[in-house]
N, C-alpha and C. Protein backbone atom coordinates (compact mmCIF):
# COMPACT_ATOMS: atom_id res chain seq x y z
N UNK A 1 -29.92 32.68 -30.86
CA UNK A 1 -29.74 33.54 -29.65
C UNK A 1 -28.29 33.93 -29.65
N UNK A 2 -27.34 33.28 -29.89
CA UNK A 2 -26.07 33.77 -29.92
C UNK A 2 -25.86 34.91 -30.88
N UNK A 3 -26.45 34.80 -32.07
CA UNK A 3 -26.41 36.19 -32.98
C UNK A 3 -27.06 37.22 -32.35
N UNK A 4 -28.24 37.10 -31.66
CA UNK A 4 -28.83 38.22 -30.92
C UNK A 4 -27.82 38.80 -29.89
N UNK A 5 -27.14 38.08 -29.32
CA UNK A 5 -26.23 38.67 -28.30
C UNK A 5 -25.15 39.30 -29.04
N UNK A 6 -24.64 38.99 -29.99
CA UNK A 6 -23.63 39.47 -30.65
C UNK A 6 -23.81 40.80 -31.35
N UNK A 7 -25.17 41.23 -31.39
CA UNK A 7 -25.50 42.59 -31.86
C UNK A 7 -24.85 43.70 -31.05
N UNK A 8 -24.75 43.46 -29.75
CA UNK A 8 -24.15 44.59 -28.91
C UNK A 8 -22.78 44.79 -29.27
N UNK A 9 -21.94 43.58 -29.70
CA UNK A 9 -20.53 43.83 -30.06
C UNK A 9 -20.56 44.46 -31.48
N UNK A 10 -21.53 44.08 -32.34
CA UNK A 10 -21.58 44.84 -33.79
C UNK A 10 -21.63 46.28 -33.52
N UNK A 11 -22.43 46.68 -32.56
CA UNK A 11 -22.68 48.12 -32.17
C UNK A 11 -21.40 48.76 -31.77
N UNK A 12 -20.66 47.89 -30.74
CA UNK A 12 -19.31 48.53 -30.30
C UNK A 12 -18.47 48.69 -31.41
N UNK A 13 -18.40 47.66 -32.50
CA UNK A 13 -17.51 47.93 -33.53
C UNK A 13 -17.83 48.99 -34.35
N UNK A 14 -19.18 49.43 -34.52
CA UNK A 14 -19.49 50.53 -35.41
C UNK A 14 -18.83 51.79 -34.64
N UNK A 15 -19.04 51.88 -33.30
CA UNK A 15 -18.70 53.00 -32.54
C UNK A 15 -17.28 53.21 -32.61
N UNK A 16 -16.58 52.17 -32.48
CA UNK A 16 -15.02 52.13 -32.80
C UNK A 16 -14.57 52.66 -33.99
N UNK A 17 -15.35 52.31 -35.11
CA UNK A 17 -14.93 52.69 -36.42
C UNK A 17 -15.17 54.15 -36.47
N UNK A 18 -16.38 54.68 -36.00
CA UNK A 18 -16.61 55.96 -36.32
C UNK A 18 -15.94 56.86 -35.41
N UNK A 19 -15.46 56.51 -34.18
CA UNK A 19 -14.62 57.04 -33.26
C UNK A 19 -13.16 57.20 -33.82
N UNK A 20 -12.70 56.42 -34.68
CA UNK A 20 -11.40 56.48 -35.27
C UNK A 20 -11.15 57.55 -35.97
N UNK A 21 -12.25 58.17 -36.57
CA UNK A 21 -12.09 59.38 -37.40
C UNK A 21 -11.61 60.58 -36.70
N UNK A 22 -11.68 60.57 -35.26
CA UNK A 22 -11.15 61.70 -34.66
C UNK A 22 -9.88 61.51 -34.03
N UNK A 23 -9.11 60.69 -34.35
CA UNK A 23 -7.77 60.27 -33.80
C UNK A 23 -6.86 60.01 -34.89
N UNK A 24 -5.56 60.27 -34.80
CA UNK A 24 -4.67 59.89 -35.76
C UNK A 24 -4.59 58.60 -35.96
N UNK A 25 -4.41 57.95 -37.20
CA UNK A 25 -4.03 56.63 -37.60
C UNK A 25 -2.76 56.37 -37.50
N UNK A 26 -1.95 57.18 -37.81
CA UNK A 26 -0.50 56.86 -37.86
C UNK A 26 0.49 57.98 -37.56
N UNK A 27 1.53 57.79 -36.90
CA UNK A 27 2.44 58.62 -36.61
C UNK A 27 4.02 58.35 -37.16
N UNK A 28 4.52 59.33 -37.51
CA UNK A 28 5.76 59.30 -38.17
C UNK A 28 6.78 60.33 -37.32
N UNK A 29 7.76 59.74 -36.75
CA UNK A 29 8.78 60.54 -36.09
C UNK A 29 10.11 60.37 -36.62
N UNK A 30 10.67 61.58 -36.87
CA UNK A 30 12.30 61.46 -37.35
C UNK A 30 13.16 62.12 -36.12
N UNK A 31 14.21 61.19 -35.84
CA UNK A 31 14.92 61.83 -34.85
C UNK A 31 16.32 61.83 -35.54
N UNK A 32 16.94 62.98 -35.30
CA UNK A 32 18.32 63.39 -35.96
C UNK A 32 19.21 64.13 -35.02
N UNK A 33 20.46 64.29 -35.11
CA UNK A 33 21.26 64.99 -34.16
C UNK A 33 20.73 66.48 -34.01
N UNK A 34 20.21 66.97 -35.06
CA UNK A 34 19.52 68.31 -34.98
C UNK A 34 18.19 68.30 -34.09
N UNK A 35 17.57 67.26 -34.21
CA UNK A 35 16.31 67.06 -33.46
C UNK A 35 16.19 66.04 -32.59
N UNK A 36 16.93 65.90 -31.52
CA UNK A 36 17.02 64.85 -30.60
C UNK A 36 15.70 64.37 -29.98
N UNK A 37 14.79 65.31 -29.78
CA UNK A 37 13.42 65.00 -29.43
C UNK A 37 12.44 64.47 -30.61
N UNK A 38 12.85 64.62 -31.74
CA UNK A 38 12.31 64.16 -32.79
C UNK A 38 11.19 65.22 -33.57
N UNK A 39 11.05 65.00 -34.93
CA UNK A 39 9.93 65.65 -35.51
C UNK A 39 8.90 64.71 -35.83
N UNK A 40 7.73 65.38 -35.46
CA UNK A 40 6.73 64.34 -35.43
C UNK A 40 5.44 64.86 -36.49
N UNK A 41 4.82 63.76 -37.05
CA UNK A 41 3.69 64.16 -38.01
C UNK A 41 2.82 62.91 -37.61
N UNK A 42 1.54 63.62 -37.27
CA UNK A 42 0.41 62.69 -37.00
C UNK A 42 -0.62 62.66 -38.41
N UNK A 43 -0.92 61.48 -38.75
CA UNK A 43 -1.82 61.25 -39.88
C UNK A 43 -3.32 60.89 -39.56
N UNK A 44 -4.25 61.88 -39.74
CA UNK A 44 -5.33 61.63 -39.45
C UNK A 44 -6.09 60.95 -40.75
N UNK A 45 -7.25 60.71 -40.59
CA UNK A 45 -7.94 60.26 -41.96
C UNK A 45 -8.12 61.26 -42.91
N UNK A 46 -8.03 62.53 -42.59
CA UNK A 46 -8.22 63.62 -43.55
C UNK A 46 -7.14 64.83 -43.50
N UNK A 47 -6.18 64.68 -42.84
CA UNK A 47 -5.30 65.72 -42.62
C UNK A 47 -3.87 65.35 -42.04
N UNK A 48 -2.84 66.10 -42.09
CA UNK A 48 -1.67 65.93 -41.34
C UNK A 48 -1.59 67.02 -40.27
N UNK A 49 -1.00 66.64 -39.01
CA UNK A 49 -0.55 67.60 -38.03
C UNK A 49 0.73 67.30 -37.37
N UNK A 50 1.34 68.48 -37.01
CA UNK A 50 2.66 68.30 -36.44
C UNK A 50 3.56 69.21 -36.97
N UNK A 51 4.90 68.66 -37.03
CA UNK A 51 6.01 69.38 -37.53
C UNK A 51 6.31 69.38 -39.13
N UNK A 52 5.28 69.62 -39.83
CA UNK A 52 5.08 69.57 -41.33
C UNK A 52 6.05 70.49 -41.94
N UNK A 53 6.13 71.61 -41.53
CA UNK A 53 7.27 72.52 -42.17
C UNK A 53 8.50 72.01 -42.10
N UNK A 54 8.94 71.86 -40.86
CA UNK A 54 10.28 71.33 -40.40
C UNK A 54 10.64 70.25 -41.24
N UNK A 55 9.68 69.34 -41.32
CA UNK A 55 9.87 67.83 -41.99
C UNK A 55 10.10 68.18 -43.51
N UNK A 56 9.32 69.21 -43.98
CA UNK A 56 9.45 69.36 -45.24
C UNK A 56 10.92 70.01 -45.83
N UNK A 57 11.41 70.79 -45.05
CA UNK A 57 12.51 71.53 -45.19
C UNK A 57 13.73 70.53 -45.11
N UNK A 58 13.73 69.68 -44.36
CA UNK A 58 14.80 68.52 -44.16
C UNK A 58 14.71 67.75 -45.47
N UNK A 59 13.33 67.22 -45.83
CA UNK A 59 13.30 66.43 -46.74
C UNK A 59 13.71 66.94 -48.10
N UNK A 60 13.48 68.29 -48.42
CA UNK A 60 13.86 68.90 -49.61
C UNK A 60 15.47 69.13 -49.60
N UNK A 61 16.10 69.22 -48.43
CA UNK A 61 17.58 69.35 -48.41
C UNK A 61 18.15 67.96 -48.87
N UNK A 62 17.48 66.91 -48.53
CA UNK A 62 18.17 65.62 -48.96
C UNK A 62 17.58 65.03 -50.16
N UNK A 63 16.61 65.48 -50.54
CA UNK A 63 16.01 65.12 -51.95
C UNK A 63 14.72 64.17 -51.78
N UNK A 64 14.20 64.15 -50.54
CA UNK A 64 12.98 63.31 -50.49
C UNK A 64 11.87 64.10 -50.90
N UNK A 65 10.83 63.63 -51.72
CA UNK A 65 9.65 64.28 -52.28
C UNK A 65 8.56 63.97 -51.48
N UNK A 66 8.18 64.73 -50.62
CA UNK A 66 7.10 64.57 -49.64
C UNK A 66 5.95 65.38 -50.17
N UNK A 67 4.79 64.89 -50.66
CA UNK A 67 3.73 65.68 -51.24
C UNK A 67 3.40 66.89 -50.43
N UNK A 68 3.20 68.11 -50.79
CA UNK A 68 2.74 69.11 -49.95
C UNK A 68 1.36 69.50 -50.19
N UNK A 69 0.78 68.95 -51.20
CA UNK A 69 -0.75 69.39 -51.36
C UNK A 69 -1.63 68.27 -50.42
N UNK A 70 -1.69 68.77 -49.07
CA UNK A 70 -2.63 67.98 -48.23
C UNK A 70 -3.80 68.64 -47.76
N UNK A 71 -4.90 68.06 -47.89
CA UNK A 71 -5.08 66.73 -47.86
C UNK A 71 -5.23 66.17 -49.34
N UNK A 72 -4.32 65.09 -49.54
CA UNK A 72 -4.32 64.28 -50.81
C UNK A 72 -5.38 63.60 -51.09
N UNK A 73 -5.47 63.16 -52.19
CA UNK A 73 -6.88 62.28 -52.64
C UNK A 73 -7.01 61.17 -51.48
N UNK A 74 -5.74 60.43 -51.11
CA UNK A 74 -6.18 59.37 -50.22
C UNK A 74 -6.49 59.78 -48.91
N UNK A 75 -6.35 61.00 -48.55
CA UNK A 75 -6.63 61.58 -47.20
C UNK A 75 -8.09 62.01 -47.29
N UNK A 76 -8.78 62.06 -48.56
CA UNK A 76 -10.07 62.51 -48.81
C UNK A 76 -10.81 61.13 -48.79
N UNK A 77 -10.33 59.97 -49.10
CA UNK A 77 -10.88 58.76 -49.16
C UNK A 77 -11.10 58.02 -47.76
N UNK A 78 -10.06 58.08 -46.96
CA UNK A 78 -10.11 57.53 -45.75
C UNK A 78 -11.39 57.54 -45.02
N UNK A 79 -11.87 58.92 -44.84
CA UNK A 79 -13.18 59.10 -44.04
C UNK A 79 -14.37 58.37 -44.75
N UNK A 80 -14.35 58.28 -46.02
CA UNK A 80 -15.37 57.63 -46.87
C UNK A 80 -15.23 56.14 -46.62
N UNK A 81 -14.05 55.57 -46.61
CA UNK A 81 -13.80 54.17 -46.35
C UNK A 81 -14.50 53.75 -44.94
N UNK A 82 -14.02 54.65 -43.81
CA UNK A 82 -14.54 54.36 -42.66
C UNK A 82 -16.02 54.38 -42.53
N UNK A 83 -16.70 55.41 -43.09
CA UNK A 83 -18.04 55.60 -43.03
C UNK A 83 -18.70 54.27 -43.88
N UNK A 84 -18.09 53.92 -45.07
CA UNK A 84 -18.60 52.70 -45.56
C UNK A 84 -18.65 51.38 -44.96
N UNK A 85 -17.57 51.24 -44.19
CA UNK A 85 -17.29 50.06 -43.32
C UNK A 85 -18.43 50.12 -42.15
N UNK A 86 -18.63 51.23 -41.69
CA UNK A 86 -19.49 51.33 -40.55
C UNK A 86 -20.98 51.10 -41.04
N UNK A 87 -21.31 51.56 -42.28
CA UNK A 87 -22.65 51.20 -42.87
C UNK A 87 -22.88 49.68 -43.13
N UNK A 88 -21.76 49.11 -43.66
CA UNK A 88 -21.69 47.48 -43.74
C UNK A 88 -21.84 46.97 -42.66
N UNK A 89 -21.06 47.40 -41.60
CA UNK A 89 -21.35 46.69 -40.14
C UNK A 89 -22.72 46.90 -39.84
N UNK A 90 -23.28 48.00 -39.91
CA UNK A 90 -24.62 48.33 -39.49
C UNK A 90 -25.60 47.27 -40.18
N UNK A 91 -25.27 46.94 -41.55
CA UNK A 91 -26.25 46.13 -42.16
C UNK A 91 -26.15 44.83 -41.66
N UNK A 92 -25.02 44.33 -41.19
CA UNK A 92 -24.90 43.08 -40.36
C UNK A 92 -25.56 43.01 -39.19
N UNK A 93 -25.80 44.18 -38.68
CA UNK A 93 -26.62 44.33 -37.25
C UNK A 93 -28.11 43.94 -37.59
N UNK A 94 -28.65 44.33 -38.71
CA UNK A 94 -29.94 44.15 -39.03
C UNK A 94 -30.23 42.75 -39.87
N UNK A 95 -29.15 42.45 -40.55
CA UNK A 95 -29.27 41.31 -41.36
C UNK A 95 -28.13 40.34 -41.28
N UNK A 96 -28.27 39.16 -40.85
CA UNK A 96 -27.28 38.20 -40.72
C UNK A 96 -26.11 38.19 -41.91
N UNK A 97 -26.97 37.85 -43.05
CA UNK A 97 -26.18 37.61 -44.39
C UNK A 97 -24.97 38.66 -44.59
N UNK A 98 -25.24 39.79 -43.95
CA UNK A 98 -24.09 40.88 -44.21
C UNK A 98 -23.10 40.69 -43.24
N UNK A 99 -23.16 39.83 -42.42
CA UNK A 99 -22.00 39.75 -41.36
C UNK A 99 -20.67 39.15 -42.05
N UNK A 100 -21.00 38.00 -42.96
CA UNK A 100 -20.03 37.55 -43.74
C UNK A 100 -19.33 38.59 -44.90
N UNK A 101 -20.17 39.32 -45.25
CA UNK A 101 -19.73 40.35 -46.26
C UNK A 101 -19.02 41.37 -45.54
N UNK A 102 -19.45 41.81 -44.34
CA UNK A 102 -18.64 42.84 -43.64
C UNK A 102 -17.25 42.27 -43.24
N UNK A 103 -17.12 41.03 -42.85
CA UNK A 103 -15.88 40.58 -42.58
C UNK A 103 -14.97 40.48 -43.81
N UNK A 104 -15.48 40.01 -44.97
CA UNK A 104 -14.61 39.87 -46.08
C UNK A 104 -14.41 41.33 -46.67
N UNK A 105 -15.18 42.20 -46.81
CA UNK A 105 -14.95 43.48 -47.13
C UNK A 105 -13.93 44.31 -46.19
N UNK A 106 -14.04 44.02 -44.88
CA UNK A 106 -13.16 44.79 -43.95
C UNK A 106 -11.81 44.30 -43.95
N UNK A 107 -11.64 43.12 -44.36
CA UNK A 107 -10.11 42.35 -44.37
C UNK A 107 -9.54 42.79 -45.63
N UNK A 108 -10.34 42.78 -46.78
CA UNK A 108 -9.94 43.22 -48.11
C UNK A 108 -9.51 44.65 -48.10
N UNK A 109 -10.26 45.52 -47.29
CA UNK A 109 -10.06 47.04 -47.19
C UNK A 109 -8.84 47.30 -46.32
N UNK A 110 -8.52 46.37 -45.17
CA UNK A 110 -7.26 46.66 -44.44
C UNK A 110 -6.23 46.43 -45.26
N UNK A 111 -6.13 45.03 -46.16
CA UNK A 111 -4.95 44.76 -46.92
C UNK A 111 -4.79 45.69 -47.95
N UNK A 112 -5.73 46.25 -48.57
CA UNK A 112 -5.50 47.34 -49.60
C UNK A 112 -5.09 48.53 -49.16
N UNK A 113 -5.38 48.88 -48.00
CA UNK A 113 -4.89 50.17 -47.39
C UNK A 113 -3.43 49.96 -47.02
N UNK A 114 -3.24 48.95 -46.38
CA UNK A 114 -1.76 48.55 -46.05
C UNK A 114 -0.86 48.55 -47.30
N UNK A 115 -1.33 47.89 -48.39
CA UNK A 115 -0.55 47.82 -49.65
C UNK A 115 -0.33 49.30 -50.05
N UNK A 116 -1.50 49.88 -50.17
CA UNK A 116 -1.37 51.48 -50.78
C UNK A 116 -0.40 52.35 -49.92
N UNK A 117 -0.35 52.07 -48.72
CA UNK A 117 0.45 52.87 -47.77
C UNK A 117 1.91 52.49 -48.06
N UNK A 118 2.01 51.35 -48.22
CA UNK A 118 3.60 50.65 -48.49
C UNK A 118 3.97 51.25 -49.71
N UNK A 119 3.21 51.25 -50.79
CA UNK A 119 3.46 51.67 -52.23
C UNK A 119 3.91 53.18 -52.10
N UNK A 120 3.26 53.92 -51.30
CA UNK A 120 3.39 55.47 -51.14
C UNK A 120 4.62 55.57 -50.43
N UNK A 121 5.04 54.94 -49.32
CA UNK A 121 6.31 54.96 -48.69
C UNK A 121 7.41 54.55 -49.61
N UNK A 122 7.20 53.60 -50.45
CA UNK A 122 8.20 53.25 -51.40
C UNK A 122 8.59 54.31 -52.40
N UNK A 123 7.57 55.02 -52.88
CA UNK A 123 7.73 56.22 -53.69
C UNK A 123 8.52 57.12 -53.00
N UNK A 124 8.07 57.45 -51.85
CA UNK A 124 8.92 58.65 -51.09
C UNK A 124 10.25 58.28 -50.92
N UNK A 125 10.64 57.03 -50.69
CA UNK A 125 12.02 56.72 -50.47
C UNK A 125 12.98 56.48 -51.71
N UNK A 126 12.14 56.28 -52.94
CA UNK A 126 12.65 56.00 -54.19
C UNK A 126 12.65 57.24 -55.08
N UNK A 127 11.76 57.93 -55.04
CA UNK A 127 11.76 59.13 -56.06
C UNK A 127 12.46 60.19 -55.44
N UNK A 128 13.72 60.14 -55.45
CA UNK A 128 14.56 61.33 -54.63
C UNK A 128 15.04 62.14 -55.79
N UNK A 129 15.22 63.37 -55.27
CA UNK A 129 15.46 64.65 -56.31
C UNK A 129 17.07 64.69 -56.36
N UNK A 130 17.59 64.30 -57.42
CA UNK A 130 19.05 64.21 -57.74
C UNK A 130 19.61 65.53 -57.52
N UNK A 131 18.96 66.78 -57.54
CA UNK A 131 19.50 68.13 -57.49
C UNK A 131 19.48 68.75 -56.28
N UNK A 132 18.86 67.89 -55.32
CA UNK A 132 18.84 68.48 -53.89
C UNK A 132 20.17 68.80 -53.25
N UNK A 133 20.54 69.75 -52.54
CA UNK A 133 21.79 70.16 -52.04
C UNK A 133 22.50 68.95 -51.32
N UNK A 134 21.82 68.25 -50.41
CA UNK A 134 22.50 67.14 -49.54
C UNK A 134 22.06 65.74 -50.06
N UNK A 135 21.57 65.57 -51.20
CA UNK A 135 21.24 64.44 -51.93
C UNK A 135 22.15 63.33 -51.65
N UNK A 136 23.44 63.52 -51.58
CA UNK A 136 24.34 62.38 -51.57
C UNK A 136 24.48 61.74 -49.99
N UNK A 137 23.77 62.39 -49.14
CA UNK A 137 23.83 61.93 -47.79
C UNK A 137 22.89 60.62 -47.53
N UNK A 138 21.85 60.35 -48.47
CA UNK A 138 21.13 59.26 -48.36
C UNK A 138 21.00 58.31 -49.62
N UNK A 139 20.82 57.13 -49.50
CA UNK A 139 20.54 56.19 -50.59
C UNK A 139 19.01 56.03 -50.73
N UNK A 140 18.53 55.53 -51.87
CA UNK A 140 17.14 55.01 -51.82
C UNK A 140 16.74 53.92 -50.80
N UNK A 141 15.59 54.23 -50.38
CA UNK A 141 15.22 53.41 -49.24
C UNK A 141 13.59 53.23 -49.44
N UNK A 142 13.21 52.08 -48.46
CA UNK A 142 11.86 51.89 -48.37
C UNK A 142 11.40 51.79 -46.92
N UNK A 143 10.70 52.90 -46.46
CA UNK A 143 10.31 52.87 -45.16
C UNK A 143 9.23 51.68 -44.71
N UNK A 144 9.19 51.17 -43.52
CA UNK A 144 8.07 50.35 -43.32
C UNK A 144 6.93 50.83 -42.86
N UNK A 145 5.75 50.49 -42.88
CA UNK A 145 4.57 50.86 -42.41
C UNK A 145 4.54 50.95 -40.94
N UNK A 146 5.14 49.83 -40.39
CA UNK A 146 5.23 49.90 -38.73
C UNK A 146 6.77 49.37 -38.46
N UNK A 147 7.43 50.35 -37.84
CA UNK A 147 8.87 49.96 -37.59
C UNK A 147 9.75 51.27 -37.60
N UNK A 148 11.00 51.22 -38.01
CA UNK A 148 11.94 52.15 -38.22
C UNK A 148 12.71 51.86 -39.29
N UNK A 149 13.62 53.05 -39.71
CA UNK A 149 14.54 52.81 -40.90
C UNK A 149 15.60 53.85 -40.40
N UNK A 150 16.84 53.52 -40.48
CA UNK A 150 17.96 54.47 -40.50
C UNK A 150 18.13 54.78 -41.92
N UNK A 151 18.04 56.21 -41.94
CA UNK A 151 18.19 57.07 -43.25
C UNK A 151 19.50 57.95 -43.14
N UNK A 152 20.49 57.62 -44.05
CA UNK A 152 21.63 58.73 -43.99
C UNK A 152 22.52 58.62 -42.78
N UNK A 153 22.50 57.31 -42.09
CA UNK A 153 23.29 57.21 -41.14
C UNK A 153 22.98 57.78 -39.61
N UNK A 154 22.66 59.09 -39.62
CA UNK A 154 22.47 59.57 -38.23
C UNK A 154 20.97 60.11 -38.30
N UNK A 155 20.11 59.72 -39.10
CA UNK A 155 18.64 59.99 -39.01
C UNK A 155 17.90 58.77 -39.05
N UNK A 156 16.95 58.60 -37.99
CA UNK A 156 16.10 57.46 -37.72
C UNK A 156 14.76 57.85 -37.95
N UNK A 157 13.91 57.23 -38.59
CA UNK A 157 12.47 57.45 -38.96
C UNK A 157 11.59 56.26 -38.50
N UNK A 158 10.78 56.56 -37.63
CA UNK A 158 9.87 55.60 -36.75
C UNK A 158 8.50 55.79 -37.31
N UNK A 159 7.95 54.72 -37.83
CA UNK A 159 6.40 54.71 -38.14
C UNK A 159 5.76 53.82 -37.40
N UNK A 160 4.63 54.40 -36.73
CA UNK A 160 3.98 53.51 -35.58
C UNK A 160 2.45 53.74 -35.82
N UNK A 161 1.59 52.62 -35.54
CA UNK A 161 0.19 53.02 -35.59
C UNK A 161 -0.19 53.77 -34.50
N UNK A 162 -1.23 54.46 -34.57
CA UNK A 162 -1.85 55.52 -33.63
C UNK A 162 -3.22 54.85 -33.10
N UNK A 163 -3.98 55.71 -32.31
CA UNK A 163 -5.26 55.44 -31.89
C UNK A 163 -6.22 54.99 -33.05
N UNK A 164 -6.28 55.90 -34.00
CA UNK A 164 -7.24 55.53 -35.03
C UNK A 164 -7.37 54.24 -35.66
N UNK A 165 -5.93 53.82 -35.95
CA UNK A 165 -5.69 52.57 -36.56
C UNK A 165 -6.00 51.51 -35.67
N UNK A 166 -5.61 51.72 -34.30
CA UNK A 166 -5.93 50.72 -33.26
C UNK A 166 -7.41 50.44 -33.20
N UNK A 167 -8.38 51.50 -33.22
CA UNK A 167 -9.73 51.40 -32.99
C UNK A 167 -10.28 50.63 -34.25
N UNK A 168 -9.75 50.88 -35.50
CA UNK A 168 -10.18 50.21 -36.75
C UNK A 168 -9.99 48.65 -36.61
N UNK A 169 -8.77 48.42 -36.18
CA UNK A 169 -8.12 46.94 -35.91
C UNK A 169 -9.13 46.27 -35.07
N UNK A 170 -9.34 46.97 -33.95
CA UNK A 170 -10.21 46.39 -33.02
C UNK A 170 -11.64 46.17 -33.38
N UNK A 171 -12.25 47.11 -34.19
CA UNK A 171 -13.59 46.89 -34.86
C UNK A 171 -13.46 45.64 -35.68
N UNK A 172 -12.53 45.59 -36.63
CA UNK A 172 -12.52 44.46 -37.55
C UNK A 172 -12.26 43.16 -36.77
N UNK A 173 -11.45 42.99 -35.70
CA UNK A 173 -11.46 41.79 -34.98
C UNK A 173 -12.62 41.43 -34.26
N UNK A 174 -13.29 42.41 -33.66
CA UNK A 174 -14.60 42.09 -32.95
C UNK A 174 -15.54 41.55 -34.17
N UNK A 175 -15.64 42.08 -35.22
CA UNK A 175 -16.48 41.61 -36.34
C UNK A 175 -16.08 40.24 -36.80
N UNK A 176 -14.83 40.07 -36.82
CA UNK A 176 -14.33 38.71 -37.32
C UNK A 176 -14.67 37.74 -36.17
N UNK A 177 -14.43 38.05 -35.05
CA UNK A 177 -14.92 37.07 -33.81
C UNK A 177 -16.39 36.80 -33.76
N UNK A 178 -17.28 37.67 -33.88
CA UNK A 178 -18.67 37.44 -34.08
C UNK A 178 -19.09 36.71 -35.25
N UNK A 179 -18.39 36.77 -36.34
CA UNK A 179 -18.48 35.81 -37.46
C UNK A 179 -18.08 34.50 -37.05
N UNK A 180 -17.02 34.34 -36.49
CA UNK A 180 -16.64 32.92 -36.06
C UNK A 180 -17.43 32.13 -35.12
N UNK A 181 -17.91 33.18 -33.95
CA UNK A 181 -18.59 32.50 -33.08
C UNK A 181 -19.99 32.29 -33.41
N UNK A 182 -20.62 33.02 -34.45
CA UNK A 182 -22.12 32.73 -34.71
C UNK A 182 -22.14 31.67 -35.91
N UNK A 183 -21.32 31.15 -36.45
CA UNK A 183 -21.17 30.32 -37.74
C UNK A 183 -22.17 29.01 -37.30
């Protein structure tokens, strides 16, 4: 009976996952003396939006190589990952044995995406162009996935989760709670 009641929460998890595709997953804000209100880039599952041009100009001046070919391969994969997780959650809706699989797959997926994002951030902060005009203003750095970092003394960069990642996190937590409660 408890598993039957949990189906509505599984349905909610699937809706949360699918809804996440319409919102940014992550936001990056750079505050500098020239930009006291900050430059902002919103990271959706399939694209970037925001002050991309200005961010790119500043990055090139100080030697930070931010990929310009957007959407990149990882931005093409995110929607597929979300759709795949939704399908696995749906299988657990119809067949209880898939519940454990959905929990394991979703936790591994979140861990892998976090590790991949941190690796990409490491590359951005360490693959600096030595020929950039203002390269001497910053040292190699590793931005955090969530948090902030001071780069070059007067520049602070904030990385924060956004609505999309919050929806995915909630879906995974609900799915995990269903698994725990129905064991």
